[in-house]
């Protein structure tokens, strides 16, 4: 009798392997691609204008957003002064300073006005300009607040803590010092305000800009209190 042999198992061929691989692949979940992060928004022109300045002997910090008042940011506006191009017009009442341009335009800057800034009006010239100027309080300031100012009676060197900030313009009339200054400040929140002391203060970024546009001898018109410029 011929023995019955068990049926021989077939070994899976190449086609089976391929099909099995395809089946497994069909069951796998494809991982979702990670979301693409949105591009960072570019800083606004105002943010760039009042960013930190690191090319100076002392760093000028960026003006914090909550200290930036839109009304007092640097703007090119229609000239409301009627003065010739190149003239600086200070309007203490409305807290503006204008640099008159060609074509009926003016650069308008916001300012803060101290007590000394109300003590002079009329026409003067920028006798000289200083970078990171030395500051000396006036005798009136020392008498008024000796605890605050007496220690600086001999002057304070220029620097980040100096009340005159990064630049100062010194106004003279008929060759004599008016004691009126246009200068920077390390208190940008005070722009647009009436402050206890000082003359006409500007954000450091603005006074650096103005300084670079004005030659010595530039004409300055300071409007008297109660006679502001309409703009």
Foldseek 3Di string as FASTA:
>chain_A
DDDDDPDDDDDDDPVVVVVVVVVVVVPDDDDDDDDDDDDDDDDDPQQVLQDWDDPDPAIQHRDDPVLDDPVAAKDKAFDQPPDDALEWEAFQQQQWIWHHHPPRIITIHGKEFAPLQQVDFFKWFQQDKDFLAKDADDPVVCVVPVVVHVVQNVIDGGYLQDQQAGMKTFTDDPPHGPVAIEGEGNCSSRGRYYDHDHHIYGHNSVVVVVVVVHDGGGMYGYDHPPDGGDD
